[in-house]
């Protein structure tokens, strides 16, 4: 599903002990939230978060003790999934919708970057 549900840097998790605290707090992909806290913030149950993991919408990082940890980005995806499920969409379908929304957003960003970077070449074709 969405690649942004994973930390950047080629799928490798940065060495959290080396990042300054301020950088970790600003990192949208830093796994700062326990399952209980994440479920509370999302307004869902831990079982719902596990279902999103099984559907591969989000893949939480595991602590050294094996506990799931969620990032702010993952929580936003979970909130969107909860909204869709609350409207009657099955979990698997909600995850597919969100995956497509994420891909569309990435494509639009890339397209905008190409327009800005290529400037006259894109506008000159017409």
PDB file of N, CA and C in Angstrom:
ATOM      1  N   UNK A   1       0.840  -1.187   0.000  1.00  0.00           N
ATOM      2  CA  UNK A   1       0.000   0.000   0.000  1.00  0.00           C
ATOM      3  C   UNK A   1       0.884   1.249   0.000  1.00  0.00           C
ATOM      4  N   UNK A   2       0.456   2.329   0.635  1.00  0.00           N
ATOM      5  CA  UNK A   2       1.189   3.583   0.512  1.00  0.00           C
ATOM      6  C   UNK A   2       2.595   3.480   1.066  1.00  0.00           C
ATOM      7  N   UNK A   3       3.545   3.898   0.266  1.00  0.00           N
ATOM      8  CA  UNK A   3       4.932   3.835   0.709  1.00  0.00           C
ATOM      9  C   UNK A   3       5.207   4.824   1.824  1.00  0.00           C
ATOM     10  N   UNK A   4       4.412   5.875   1.918  1.00  0.00           N
ATOM     11  CA  UNK A   4       4.648   6.874   2.952  1.00  0.00           C
ATOM     12  C   UNK A   4       4.257   6.398   4.339  1.00  0.00           C
ATOM     13  N   UNK A   5       3.612   5.227   4.443  1.00  0.00           N
ATOM     14  CA  UNK A   5       3.301   4.726   5.767  1.00  0.00           C
ATOM     15  C   UNK A   5       4.542   4.164   6.423  1.00  0.00           C
ATOM     16  N   UNK A   6       5.611   4.051   5.665  1.00  0.00           N
ATOM     17  CA  UNK A   6       6.876   3.546   6.155  1.00  0.00           C
ATOM     18  C   UNK A   6       7.846   4.709   6.306  1.00  0.00           C
ATOM     19  N   UNK A   7       8.835   4.541   7.178  1.00  0.00           N
ATOM     20  CA  UNK A   7       9.833   5.599   7.306  1.00  0.00           C
ATOM     21  C   UNK A   7      10.611   5.761   6.018  1.00  0.00           C
ATOM     22  N   UNK A   8      11.055   6.970   5.706  1.00  0.00           N
ATOM     23  CA  UNK A   8      11.858   7.191   4.510  1.00  0.00           C
ATOM     24  C   UNK A   8      13.233   6.549   4.654  1.00  0.00           C
ATOM     25  N   UNK A   9      14.103   6.820   3.732  1.00  0.00           N
ATOM     26  CA  UNK A   9      15.487   6.336   3.729  1.00  0.00           C
ATOM     27  C   UNK A   9      15.562   4.876   3.323  1.00  0.00           C
ATOM     28  N   UNK A  10      14.904   4.553   2.229  1.00  0.00           N
ATOM     29  CA  UNK A  10      15.027   3.216   1.673  1.00  0.00           C
ATOM     30  C   UNK A  10      14.529   2.114   2.568  1.00  0.00           C
ATOM     31  N   UNK A  11      13.531   2.421   3.410  1.00  0.00           N
ATOM     32  CA  UNK A  11      12.948   1.402   4.259  1.00  0.00           C
ATOM     33  C   UNK A  11      13.729   1.149   5.541  1.00  0.00           C
ATOM     34  N   UNK A  12      14.897   1.793   5.661  1.00  0.00           N
ATOM     35  CA  UNK A  12      15.675   1.608   6.884  1.00  0.00           C
ATOM     36  C   UNK A  12      15.211   2.583   7.937  1.00  0.00           C
ATOM     37  N   UNK A  13      15.088   2.103   9.157  1.00  0.00           N
ATOM     38  CA  UNK A  13      14.721   2.951  10.280  1.00  0.00           C
ATOM     39  C   UNK A  13      15.968   3.688  10.750  1.00  0.00           C
ATOM     40  N   UNK A  14      15.905   5.027  10.889  1.00  0.00           N
ATOM     41  CA  UNK A  14      17.083   5.735  11.378  1.00  0.00           C
ATOM     42  C   UNK A  14      17.404   5.299  12.805  1.00  0.00           C
ATOM     43  N   UNK A  15      18.671   5.382  13.166  1.00  0.00           N
ATOM     44  CA  UNK A  15      19.059   5.048  14.527  1.00  0.00           C
ATOM     45  C   UNK A  15      18.500   6.121  15.437  1.00  0.00           C
ATOM     46  N   UNK A  16      17.400   5.773  16.112  1.00  0.00           N
ATOM     47  CA  UNK A  16      16.664   6.742  16.919  1.00  0.00           C
ATOM     48  C   UNK A  16      17.506   7.330  18.040  1.00  0.00           C
ATOM     49  N   UNK A  17      18.469   6.574  18.549  1.00  0.00           N
ATOM     50  CA  UNK A  17      19.282   7.069  19.650  1.00  0.00           C
ATOM     51  C   UNK A  17      20.214   8.185  19.202  1.00  0.00           C
ATOM     52  N   UNK A  18      20.468   8.293  17.890  1.00  0.00           N
ATOM     53  CA  UNK A  18      21.382   9.321  17.383  1.00  0.00           C
ATOM     54  C   UNK A  18      20.670  10.606  16.975  1.00  0.00           C
ATOM     55  N   UNK A  19      19.362  10.548  16.786  1.00  0.00           N
ATOM     56  CA  UNK A  19      18.625  11.746  16.384  1.00  0.00           C
ATOM     57  C   UNK A  19      18.401  12.652  17.581  1.00  0.00           C
ATOM     58  N   UNK A  20      18.635  13.962  17.418  1.00  0.00           N
ATOM     59  CA  UNK A  20      18.310  14.881  18.505  1.00  0.00           C
ATOM     60  C   UNK A  20      16.807  14.833  18.790  1.00  0.00           C
ATOM     61  N   UNK A  21      16.438  15.069  20.030  1.00  0.00           N
ATOM     62  CA  UNK A  21      15.032  14.988  20.434  1.00  0.00           C
ATOM     63  C   UNK A  21      14.164  15.882  19.558  1.00  0.00           C
ATOM     64  N   UNK A  22      14.596  17.090  19.278  1.00  0.00           N
ATOM     65  CA  UNK A  22      13.796  18.008  18.466  1.00  0.00           C
ATOM     66  C   UNK A  22      13.533  17.423  17.083  1.00  0.00           C
ATOM     67  N   UNK A  23      14.525  16.754  16.492  1.00  0.00           N
ATOM     68  CA  UNK A  23      14.334  16.142  15.178  1.00  0.00           C
ATOM     69  C   UNK A  23      13.325  15.010  15.243  1.00  0.00           C
ATOM     70  N   UNK A  24      13.354  14.235  16.315  1.00  0.00           N
ATOM     71  CA  UNK A  24      12.397  13.141  16.456  1.00  0.00           C
ATOM     72  C   UNK A  24      10.983  13.685  16.607  1.00  0.00           C
ATOM     73  N   UNK A  25      10.825  14.783  17.319  1.00  0.00           N
ATOM     74  CA  UNK A  25       9.495  15.356  17.513  1.00  0.00           C
ATOM     75  C   UNK A  25       8.937  15.930  16.220  1.00  0.00           C
ATOM     76  N   UNK A  26       9.800  16.422  15.350  1.00  0.00           N
ATOM     77  CA  UNK A  26       9.361  17.005  14.087  1.00  0.00           C
ATOM     78  C   UNK A  26       9.192  15.979  12.978  1.00  0.00           C
ATOM     79  N   UNK A  27       9.717  14.773  13.175  1.00  0.00           N
ATOM     80  CA  UNK A  27       9.681  13.733  12.153  1.00  0.00           C
ATOM     81  C   UNK A  27       8.295  13.098  12.101  1.00  0.00           C
ATOM     82  N   UNK A  28       7.609  13.282  10.993  1.00  0.00           N
ATOM     83  CA  UNK A  28       6.252  12.760  10.812  1.00  0.00           C
ATOM     84  C   UNK A  28       6.225  11.234  10.798  1.00  0.00           C
ATOM     85  N   UNK A  29       7.371  10.607  10.569  1.00  0.00           N
ATOM     86  CA  UNK A  29       7.437   9.150  10.482  1.00  0.00           C
ATOM     87  C   UNK A  29       8.087   8.511  11.711  1.00  0.00           C
ATOM     88  N   UNK A  30       8.388   9.324  12.723  1.00  0.00           N
ATOM     89  CA  UNK A  30       8.981   8.784  13.938  1.00  0.00           C
ATOM     90  C   UNK A  30       7.920   8.010  14.720  1.00  0.00           C
ATOM     91  N   UNK A  31       8.194   6.755  15.071  1.00  0.00           N
ATOM     92  CA  UNK A  31       7.200   5.928  15.762  1.00  0.00           C
ATOM     93  C   UNK A  31       7.087   6.272  17.246  1.00  0.00           C
ATOM     94  N   UNK A  32       6.345   7.311  17.549  1.00  0.00           N
ATOM     95  CA  UNK A  32       6.298   7.848  18.903  1.00  0.00           C
ATOM     96  C   UNK A  32       5.134   7.338  19.750  1.00  0.00           C
ATOM     97  N   UNK A  33       4.138   6.721  19.132  1.00  0.00           N
ATOM     98  CA  UNK A  33       2.905   6.405  19.853  1.00  0.00           C
ATOM     99  C   UNK A  33       2.730   4.908  20.067  1.00  0.00           C
ATOM    100  N   UNK A  34       2.437   4.536  21.301  1.00  0.00           N
ATOM    101  CA  UNK A  34       2.123   3.146  21.615  1.00  0.00           C
ATOM    102  C   UNK A  34       0.757   2.806  21.027  1.00  0.00           C
ATOM    103  N   UNK A  35       0.451   1.542  20.965  1.00  0.00           N
ATOM    104  CA  UNK A  35      -0.840   1.130  20.414  1.00  0.00           C
ATOM    105  C   UNK A  35      -1.999   1.730  21.201  1.00  0.00           C
ATOM    106  N   UNK A  36      -1.925   1.688  22.508  1.00  0.00           N
ATOM    107  CA  UNK A  36      -3.013   2.230  23.323  1.00  0.00           C
ATOM    108  C   UNK A  36      -3.223   3.710  23.085  1.00  0.00           C
ATOM    109  N   UNK A  37      -2.138   4.465  23.061  1.00  0.00           N
ATOM    110  CA  UNK A  37      -2.233   5.910  22.825  1.00  0.00           C
ATOM    111  C   UNK A  37      -2.702   6.188  21.398  1.00  0.00           C
ATOM    112  N   UNK A  38      -2.191   5.422  20.442  1.00  0.00           N
ATOM    113  CA  UNK A  38      -2.596   5.599  19.043  1.00  0.00           C
ATOM    114  C   UNK A  38      -4.090   5.337  18.893  1.00  0.00           C
ATOM    115  N   UNK A  39      -4.589   4.263  19.494  1.00  0.00           N
ATOM    116  CA  UNK A  39      -6.008   3.943  19.407  1.00  0.00           C
ATOM    117  C   UNK A  39      -6.849   5.054  20.027  1.00  0.00           C
ATOM    118  N   UNK A  40      -6.386   5.586  21.142  1.00  0.00           N
ATOM    119  CA  UNK A  40      -7.092   6.683  21.801  1.00  0.00           C
ATOM    120  C   UNK A  40      -7.147   7.920  20.906  1.00  0.00           C
ATOM    121  N   UNK A  41      -6.020   8.272  20.299  1.00  0.00           N
ATOM    122  CA  UNK A  41      -5.968   9.455  19.440  1.00  0.00           C
ATOM    123  C   UNK A  41      -6.823   9.282  18.177  1.00  0.00           C
ATOM    124  N   UNK A  42      -6.837   8.087  17.641  1.00  0.00           N
ATOM    125  CA  UNK A  42      -7.596   7.803  16.422  1.00  0.00           C
ATOM    126  C   UNK A  42      -9.090   7.684  16.728  1.00  0.00           C
ATOM    127  N   UNK A  43      -9.412   7.321  17.961  1.00  0.00           N
ATOM    128  CA  UNK A  43     -10.805   7.095  18.324  1.00  0.00           C
ATOM    129  C   UNK A  43     -11.260   5.713  17.887  1.00  0.00           C
ATOM    130  N   UNK A  44     -10.353   4.755  17.991  1.00  0.00           N
ATOM    131  CA  UNK A  44     -10.631   3.389  17.559  1.00  0.00           C
ATOM    132  C   UNK A  44     -10.091   2.425  18.605  1.00  0.00           C
ATOM    133  N   UNK A  45     -10.250   1.158  18.335  1.00  0.00           N
ATOM    134  CA  UNK A  45      -9.742   0.134  19.239  1.00  0.00           C
ATOM    135  C   UNK A  45      -8.385  -0.365  18.741  1.00  0.00           C
ATOM    136  N   UNK A  46      -7.606  -0.982  19.626  1.00  0.00           N
ATOM    137  CA  UNK A  46      -6.372  -1.611  19.167  1.00  0.00           C
ATOM    138  C   UNK A  46      -6.636  -2.658  18.084  1.00  0.00           C
ATOM    139  N   UNK A  47      -7.762  -3.356  18.160  1.00  0.00           N
ATOM    140  CA  UNK A  47      -8.103  -4.350  17.130  1.00  0.00           C
ATOM    141  C   UNK A  47      -8.255  -3.690  15.763  1.00  0.00           C
ATOM    142  N   UNK A  48      -8.795  -2.476  15.730  1.00  0.00           N
ATOM    143  CA  UNK A  48      -8.931  -1.750  14.462  1.00  0.00           C
ATOM    144  C   UNK A  48      -7.548  -1.442  13.886  1.00  0.00           C
ATOM    145  N   UNK A  49      -6.631  -1.001  14.737  1.00  0.00           N
ATOM    146  CA  UNK A  49      -5.271  -0.717  14.272  1.00  0.00           C
ATOM    147  C   UNK A  49      -4.593  -1.992  13.778  1.00  0.00           C
ATOM    148  N   UNK A  50      -4.815  -3.107  14.469  1.00  0.00           N
ATOM    149  CA  UNK A  50      -4.248  -4.375  14.002  1.00  0.00           C
ATOM    150  C   UNK A  50      -4.834  -4.751  12.645  1.00  0.00           C
ATOM    151  N   UNK A  51      -6.138  -4.496  12.450  1.00  0.00           N
ATOM    152  CA  UNK A  51      -6.776  -4.793  11.162  1.00  0.00           C
ATOM    153  C   UNK A  51      -6.159  -3.957  10.046  1.00  0.00           C
ATOM    154  N   UNK A  52      -5.823  -2.713  10.331  1.00  0.00           N
ATOM    155  CA  UNK A  52      -5.170  -1.867   9.323  1.00  0.00           C
ATOM    156  C   UNK A  52      -3.781  -2.402   8.997  1.00  0.00           C
ATOM    157  N   UNK A  53      -3.125  -2.964  10.001  1.00  0.00           N
ATOM    158  CA  UNK A  53      -1.827  -3.590   9.766  1.00  0.00           C
ATOM    159  C   UNK A  53      -1.967  -4.845   8.920  1.00  0.00           C
ATOM    160  N   UNK A  54      -2.988  -5.647   9.203  1.00  0.00           N
ATOM    161  CA  UNK A  54      -3.218  -6.866   8.418  1.00  0.00           C
ATOM    162  C   UNK A  54      -3.559  -6.524   6.969  1.00  0.00           C
ATOM    163  N   UNK A  55      -4.263  -5.415   6.762  1.00  0.00           N
ATOM    164  CA  UNK A  55      -4.606  -4.972   5.404  1.00  0.00           C
ATOM    165  C   UNK A  55      -3.428  -4.246   4.750  1.00  0.00           C
ATOM    166  N   UNK A  56      -2.339  -4.085   5.488  1.00  0.00           N
ATOM    167  CA  UNK A  56      -1.103  -3.462   5.027  1.00  0.00           C
ATOM    168  C   UNK A  56      -1.256  -1.986   4.661  1.00  0.00           C
ATOM    169  N   UNK A  57      -2.190  -1.319   5.313  1.00  0.00           N
ATOM    170  CA  UNK A  57      -2.270   0.129   5.150  1.00  0.00           C
ATOM    171  C   UNK A  57      -1.139   0.774   5.934  1.00  0.00           C
ATOM    172  N   UNK A  58      -0.930   0.312   7.150  1.00  0.00           N
ATOM    173  CA  UNK A  58       0.150   0.813   7.992  1.00  0.00           C
ATOM    174  C   UNK A  58       0.915  -0.377   8.553  1.00  0.00           C
ATOM    175  N   UNK A  59       2.199  -0.189   8.725  1.00  0.00           N
ATOM    176  CA  UNK A  59       3.043  -1.212   9.332  1.00  0.00           C
ATOM    177  C   UNK A  59       3.769  -0.561  10.492  1.00  0.00           C
ATOM    178  N   UNK A  60       3.289  -0.779  11.700  1.00  0.00           N
ATOM    179  CA  UNK A  60       3.938  -0.122  12.834  1.00  0.00           C
ATOM    180  C   UNK A  60       5.343  -0.661  13.055  1.00  0.00           C
ATOM    181  N   UNK A  61       6.176   0.195  13.592  1.00  0.00           N
ATOM    182  CA  UNK A  61       7.511  -0.207  14.002  1.00  0.00           C
ATOM    183  C   UNK A  61       7.358  -0.986  15.303  1.00  0.00           C
ATOM    184  N   UNK A  62       8.254  -1.901  15.551  1.00  0.00           N
ATOM    185  CA  UNK A  62       8.225  -2.658  16.808  1.00  0.00           C
ATOM    186  C   UNK A  62       9.333  -2.151  17.728  1.00  0.00           C
ATOM    187  N   UNK A  63       8.977  -1.979  18.998  1.00  0.00           N
ATOM    188  CA  UNK A  63       9.983  -1.608  19.990  1.00  0.00           C
ATOM    189  C   UNK A  63      10.860  -2.818  20.271  1.00  0.00           C
ATOM    190  N   UNK A  64      11.903  -2.634  21.007  1.00  0.00           N
ATOM    191  CA  UNK A  64      12.779  -3.761  21.345  1.00  0.00           C
ATOM    192  C   UNK A  64      12.008  -4.852  22.069  1.00  0.00           C
ATOM    193  N   UNK A  65      10.978  -4.474  22.808  1.00  0.00           N
ATOM    194  CA  UNK A  65      10.153  -5.447  23.517  1.00  0.00           C
ATOM    195  C   UNK A  65       9.057  -6.054  22.653  1.00  0.00           C
ATOM    196  N   UNK A  66       8.988  -5.633  21.380  1.00  0.00           N
ATOM    197  CA  UNK A  66       8.000  -6.189  20.462  1.00  0.00           C
ATOM    198  C   UNK A  66       6.677  -5.445  20.411  1.00  0.00           C
ATOM    199  N   UNK A  67       6.583  -4.321  21.104  1.00  0.00           N
ATOM    200  CA  UNK A  67       5.346  -3.546  21.111  1.00  0.00           C
ATOM    201  C   UNK A  67       5.246  -2.670  19.871  1.00  0.00           C
ATOM    202  N   UNK A  68       4.043  -2.526  19.369  1.00  0.00           N
ATOM    203  CA  UNK A  68       3.810  -1.698  18.177  1.00  0.00           C
ATOM    204  C   UNK A  68       3.963  -0.223  18.531  1.00  0.00           C
ATOM    205  N   UNK A  69       4.584   0.516  17.603  1.00  0.00           N
ATOM    206  CA  UNK A  69       4.743   1.974  17.723  1.00  0.00           C
ATOM    207  C   UNK A  69       4.284   2.605  16.418  1.00  0.00           C
ATOM    208  N   UNK A  70       3.514   3.669  16.518  1.00  0.00           N
ATOM    209  CA  UNK A  70       2.919   4.323  15.355  1.00  0.00           C
ATOM    210  C   UNK A  70       3.434   5.750  15.215  1.00  0.00           C
ATOM    211  N   UNK A  71       3.539   6.197  13.980  1.00  0.00           N
ATOM    212  CA  UNK A  71       3.957   7.577  13.687  1.00  0.00           C
ATOM    213  C   UNK A  71       2.724   8.451  13.484  1.00  0.00           C
ATOM    214  N   UNK A  72       2.958   9.754  13.447  1.00  0.00           N
ATOM    215  CA  UNK A  72       1.845  10.687  13.184  1.00  0.00           C
ATOM    216  C   UNK A  72       1.250  10.441  11.806  1.00  0.00           C
ATOM    217  N   UNK A  73       2.088  10.160  10.830  1.00  0.00           N
ATOM    218  CA  UNK A  73       1.589   9.892   9.481  1.00  0.00           C
ATOM    219  C   UNK A  73       0.680   8.663   9.495  1.00  0.00           C
ATOM    220  N   UNK A  74       1.091   7.630  10.169  1.00  0.00           N
ATOM    221  CA  UNK A  74       0.273   6.426  10.259  1.00  0.00           C
ATOM    222  C   UNK A  74      -1.046   6.713  10.974  1.00  0.00           C
ATOM    223  N   UNK A  75      -1.009   7.560  11.986  1.00  0.00           N
ATOM    224  CA  UNK A  75      -2.249   7.906  12.690  1.00  0.00           C
ATOM    225  C   UNK A  75      -3.208   8.668  11.779  1.00  0.00           C
ATOM    226  N   UNK A  76      -2.674   9.535  10.918  1.00  0.00           N
ATOM    227  CA  UNK A  76      -3.552  10.245   9.970  1.00  0.00           C
ATOM    228  C   UNK A  76      -4.207   9.256   9.012  1.00  0.00           C
ATOM    229  N   UNK A  77      -3.450   8.259   8.553  1.00  0.00           N
ATOM    230  CA  UNK A  77      -4.031   7.237   7.680  1.00  0.00           C
ATOM    231  C   UNK A  77      -5.105   6.450   8.425  1.00  0.00           C
ATOM    232  N   UNK A  78      -4.843   6.146   9.682  1.00  0.00           N
ATOM    233  CA  UNK A  78      -5.817   5.394  10.488  1.00  0.00           C
ATOM    234  C   UNK A  78      -7.091   6.206  10.710  1.00  0.00           C
ATOM    235  N   UNK A  79      -6.947   7.513  10.927  1.00  0.00           N
ATOM    236  CA  UNK A  79      -8.131   8.374  11.100  1.00  0.00           C
ATOM    237  C   UNK A  79      -8.959   8.379   9.818  1.00  0.00           C
ATOM    238  N   UNK A  80      -8.307   8.478   8.679  1.00  0.00           N
ATOM    239  CA  UNK A  80      -9.024   8.452   7.391  1.00  0.00           C
ATOM    240  C   UNK A  80      -9.739   7.111   7.215  1.00  0.00           C
ATOM    241  N   UNK A  81      -9.069   6.018   7.583  1.00  0.00           N
ATOM    242  CA  UNK A  81      -9.686   4.692   7.487  1.00  0.00           C
ATOM    243  C   UNK A  81     -10.904   4.611   8.402  1.00  0.00           C
ATOM    244  N   UNK A  82     -10.778   5.133   9.605  1.00  0.00           N
ATOM    245  CA  UNK A  82     -11.905   5.109  10.542  1.00  0.00           C
ATOM    246  C   UNK A  82     -13.087   5.894   9.988  1.00  0.00           C
ATOM    247  N   UNK A  83     -12.821   7.040   9.361  1.00  0.00           N
ATOM    248  CA  UNK A  83     -13.898   7.835   8.756  1.00  0.00           C
ATOM    249  C   UNK A  83     -14.635   7.018   7.692  1.00  0.00           C
ATOM    250  N   UNK A  84     -13.868   6.360   6.837  1.00  0.00           N
ATOM    251  CA  UNK A  84     -14.492   5.564   5.772  1.00  0.00           C
ATOM    252  C   UNK A  84     -15.281   4.388   6.342  1.00  0.00           C
ATOM    253  N   UNK A  85     -14.709   3.717   7.329  1.00  0.00           N
ATOM    254  CA  UNK A  85     -15.392   2.578   7.947  1.00  0.00           C
ATOM    255  C   UNK A  85     -16.668   3.050   8.654  1.00  0.00           C
ATOM    256  N   UNK A  86     -16.598   4.192   9.308  1.00  0.00           N
ATOM    257  CA  UNK A  86     -17.792   4.743   9.970  1.00  0.00           C
ATOM    258  C   UNK A  86     -18.899   5.055   8.969  1.00  0.00           C
ATOM    259  N   UNK A  87     -18.524   5.303   7.707  1.00  0.00           N
ATOM    260  CA  UNK A  87     -19.511   5.568   6.658  1.00  0.00           C
ATOM    261  C   UNK A  87     -20.008   4.286   6.005  1.00  0.00           C
ATOM    262  N   UNK A  88     -19.535   3.131   6.494  1.00  0.00           N
ATOM    263  CA  UNK A  88     -20.013   1.856   5.979  1.00  0.00           C
ATOM    264  C   UNK A  88     -19.092   1.143   5.007  1.00  0.00           C
ATOM    265  N   UNK A  89     -17.902   1.671   4.789  1.00  0.00           N
ATOM    266  CA  UNK A  89     -16.947   1.041   3.876  1.00  0.00           C
ATOM    267  C   UNK A  89     -16.226  -0.089   4.611  1.00  0.00           C
ATOM    268  N   UNK A  90     -16.127  -1.267   4.020  1.00  0.00           N
ATOM    269  CA  UNK A  90     -15.360  -2.351   4.661  1.00  0.00           C
ATOM    270  C   UNK A  90     -13.893  -1.947   4.824  1.00  0.00           C
ATOM    271  N   UNK A  91     -13.236  -2.488   5.842  1.00  0.00           N
ATOM    272  CA  UNK A  91     -11.858  -2.117   6.156  1.00  0.00           C
ATOM    273  C   UNK A  91     -10.931  -2.314   4.960  1.00  0.00           C
ATOM    274  N   UNK A  92     -11.013  -3.467   4.295  1.00  0.00           N
ATOM    275  CA  UNK A  92     -10.119  -3.713   3.155  1.00  0.00           C
ATOM    276  C   UNK A  92     -10.339  -2.685   2.044  1.00  0.00           C
ATOM    277  N   UNK A  93     -11.598  -2.351   1.778  1.00  0.00           N
ATOM    278  CA  UNK A  93     -11.894  -1.364   0.740  1.00  0.00           C
ATOM    279  C   UNK A  93     -11.401   0.021   1.169  1.00  0.00           C
ATOM    280  N   UNK A  94     -11.569   0.355   2.434  1.00  0.00           N
ATOM    281  CA  UNK A  94     -11.092   1.647   2.938  1.00  0.00           C
ATOM    282  C   UNK A  94      -9.579   1.749   2.763  1.00  0.00           C
ATOM    283  N   UNK A  95      -8.879   0.661   3.039  1.00  0.00           N
ATOM    284  CA  UNK A  95      -7.420   0.660   2.886  1.00  0.00           C
ATOM    285  C   UNK A  95      -7.021   0.831   1.431  1.00  0.00           C
ATOM    286  N   UNK A  96      -7.747   0.191   0.525  1.00  0.00           N
ATOM    287  CA  UNK A  96      -7.445   0.363  -0.907  1.00  0.00           C
ATOM    288  C   UNK A  96      -7.709   1.808  -1.333  1.00  0.00           C
ATOM    289  N   UNK A  97      -8.794   2.381  -0.879  1.00  0.00           N
ATOM    290  CA  UNK A  97      -9.120   3.780  -1.217  1.00  0.00           C
ATOM    291  C   UNK A  97      -8.010   4.705  -0.732  1.00  0.00           C
ATOM    292  N   UNK A  98      -7.588   4.523   0.497  1.00  0.00           N
ATOM    293  CA  UNK A  98      -6.550   5.387   1.065  1.00  0.00           C
ATOM    294  C   UNK A  98      -5.237   5.197   0.320  1.00  0.00           C
ATOM    295  N   UNK A  99      -4.926   3.964  -0.046  1.00  0.00           N
ATOM    296  CA  UNK A  99      -3.721   3.716  -0.831  1.00  0.00           C
ATOM    297  C   UNK A  99      -3.754   4.458  -2.149  1.00  0.00           C
ATOM    298  N   UNK A 100      -4.904   4.439  -2.800  1.00  0.00           N
ATOM    299  CA  UNK A 100      -5.049   5.165  -4.069  1.00  0.00           C
ATOM    300  C   UNK A 100      -4.983   6.671  -3.853  1.00  0.00           C
ATOM    301  N   UNK A 101      -5.583   7.157  -2.767  1.00  0.00           N
ATOM    302  CA  UNK A 101      -5.502   8.593  -2.457  1.00  0.00           C
ATOM    303  C   UNK A 101      -4.052   9.012  -2.242  1.00  0.00           C
ATOM    304  N   UNK A 102      -3.297   8.179  -1.534  1.00  0.00           N
ATOM    305  CA  UNK A 102      -1.888   8.475  -1.282  1.00  0.00           C
ATOM    306  C   UNK A 102      -1.089   8.503  -2.587  1.00  0.00           C
ATOM    307  N   UNK A 103      -1.330   7.512  -3.449  1.00  0.00           N
ATOM    308  CA  UNK A 103      -0.627   7.464  -4.735  1.00  0.00           C
ATOM    309  C   UNK A 103      -0.975   8.671  -5.595  1.00  0.00           C
ATOM    310  N   UNK A 104      -2.239   9.077  -5.602  1.00  0.00           N
ATOM    311  CA  UNK A 104      -2.653  10.249  -6.364  1.00  0.00           C
ATOM    312  C   UNK A 104      -1.962  11.501  -5.829  1.00  0.00           C
ATOM    313  N   UNK A 105      -1.916  11.627  -4.524  1.00  0.00           N
ATOM    314  CA  UNK A 105      -1.261  12.791  -3.917  1.00  0.00           C
ATOM    315  C   UNK A 105       0.229  12.825  -4.279  1.00  0.00           C
ATOM    316  N   UNK A 106       0.890  11.681  -4.239  1.00  0.00           N
ATOM    317  CA  UNK A 106       2.308  11.610  -4.613  1.00  0.00           C
ATOM    318  C   UNK A 106       2.499  11.986  -6.076  1.00  0.00           C
ATOM    319  N   UNK A 107       1.620  11.482  -6.945  1.00  0.00           N
ATOM    320  CA  UNK A 107       1.721  11.783  -8.380  1.00  0.00           C
ATOM    321  C   UNK A 107       1.497  13.270  -8.629  1.00  0.00           C
ATOM    322  N   UNK A 108       0.541  13.862  -7.917  1.00  0.00           N
ATOM    323  CA  UNK A 108       0.283  15.295  -8.085  1.00  0.00           C
ATOM    324  C   UNK A 108       1.476  16.122  -7.626  1.00  0.00           C
ATOM    325  N   UNK A 109       2.111  15.711  -6.509  1.00  0.00           N
ATOM    326  CA  UNK A 109       3.308  16.418  -6.040  1.00  0.00           C
ATOM    327  C   UNK A 109       4.431  16.298  -7.057  1.00  0.00           C
ATOM    328  N   UNK A 110       4.643  15.098  -7.574  1.00  0.00           N
ATOM    329  CA  UNK A 110       5.706  14.897  -8.569  1.00  0.00           C
ATOM    330  C   UNK A 110       5.425  15.706  -9.828  1.00  0.00           C
ATOM    331  N   UNK A 111       4.181  15.735 -10.241  1.00  0.00           N
ATOM    332  CA  UNK A 111       3.783  16.495 -11.421  1.00  0.00           C
ATOM    333  C   UNK A 111       4.053  17.986 -11.203  1.00  0.00           C
ATOM    334  N   UNK A 112       3.704  18.477 -10.031  1.00  0.00           N
ATOM    335  CA  UNK A 112       3.938  19.891  -9.725  1.00  0.00           C
ATOM    336  C   UNK A 112       5.432  20.206  -9.704  1.00  0.00           C
ATOM    337  N   UNK A 113       6.228  19.303  -9.154  1.00  0.00           N
ATOM    338  CA  UNK A 113       7.679  19.503  -9.141  1.00  0.00           C
ATOM    339  C   UNK A 113       8.230  19.547 -10.558  1.00  0.00           C
ATOM    340  N   UNK A 114       7.728  18.683 -11.423  1.00  0.00           N
ATOM    341  CA  UNK A 114       8.168  18.692 -12.819  1.00  0.00           C
ATOM    342  C   UNK A 114       7.789  20.001 -13.499  1.00  0.00           C
ATOM    343  N   UNK A 115       6.594  20.477 -13.220  1.00  0.00           N
ATOM    344  CA  UNK A 115       6.168  21.751 -13.818  1.00  0.00           C
ATOM    345  C   UNK A 115       7.068  22.884 -13.375  1.00  0.00           C
ATOM    346  N   UNK A 116       7.355  22.924 -12.083  1.00  0.00           N
ATOM    347  CA  UNK A 116       8.207  23.996 -11.561  1.00  0.00           C
ATOM    348  C   UNK A 116       9.634  23.861 -12.045  1.00  0.00           C
ATOM    349  N   UNK A 117      10.138  22.649 -12.076  1.00  0.00           N
ATOM    350  CA  UNK A 117      11.534  22.418 -12.463  1.00  0.00           C
ATOM    351  C   UNK A 117      11.772  22.543 -13.946  1.00  0.00           C
ATOM    352  N   UNK A 118      10.794  22.195 -14.754  1.00  0.00           N
ATOM    353  CA  UNK A 118      10.957  22.180 -16.210  1.00  0.00           C
ATOM    354  C   UNK A 118      10.448  23.474 -16.825  1.00  0.00           C
ATOM    355  N   UNK A 119       9.691  24.220 -16.062  1.00  0.00           N
ATOM    356  CA  UNK A 119       9.219  25.544 -16.459  1.00  0.00           C
ATOM    357  C   UNK A 119       8.684  25.661 -17.873  1.00  0.00           C
ATOM    358  N   UNK A 120       9.408  26.351 -18.735  1.00  0.00           N
ATOM    359  CA  UNK A 120       8.961  26.655 -20.091  1.00  0.00           C
ATOM    360  C   UNK A 120       8.795  25.453 -20.981  1.00  0.00           C
ATOM    361  N   UNK A 121       9.528  24.390 -20.744  1.00  0.00           N
ATOM    362  CA  UNK A 121       9.443  23.220 -21.623  1.00  0.00           C
ATOM    363  C   UNK A 121       8.054  22.598 -21.553  1.00  0.00           C
ATOM    364  N   UNK A 122       7.465  22.538 -20.350  1.00  0.00           N
ATOM    365  CA  UNK A 122       6.126  21.949 -20.217  1.00  0.00           C
ATOM    366  C   UNK A 122       5.091  22.900 -20.795  1.00  0.00           C
ATOM    367  N   UNK A 123       5.228  24.196 -20.478  1.00  0.00           N
ATOM    368  CA  UNK A 123       4.246  25.167 -20.958  1.00  0.00           C
ATOM    369  C   UNK A 123       4.375  25.406 -22.458  1.00  0.00           C
ATOM    370  N   UNK A 124       5.592  25.238 -22.988  1.00  0.00           N
ATOM    371  CA  UNK A 124       5.822  25.505 -24.403  1.00  0.00           C
ATOM    372  C   UNK A 124       5.220  24.491 -25.329  1.00  0.00           C
ATOM    373  N   UNK A 125       4.881  23.307 -24.808  1.00  0.00           N
ATOM    374  CA  UNK A 125       4.267  22.271 -25.645  1.00  0.00           C
ATOM    375  C   UNK A 125       2.771  22.500 -25.672  1.00  0.00           C
ATOM    376  N   UNK A 126       2.175  22.803 -26.565  1.00  0.00           N
ATOM    377  CA  UNK A 126       0.751  22.979 -26.391  1.00  0.00           C
ATOM    378  C   UNK A 126       0.028  23.015 -27.584  1.00  0.00           C
TER     379      UNK A 126
END
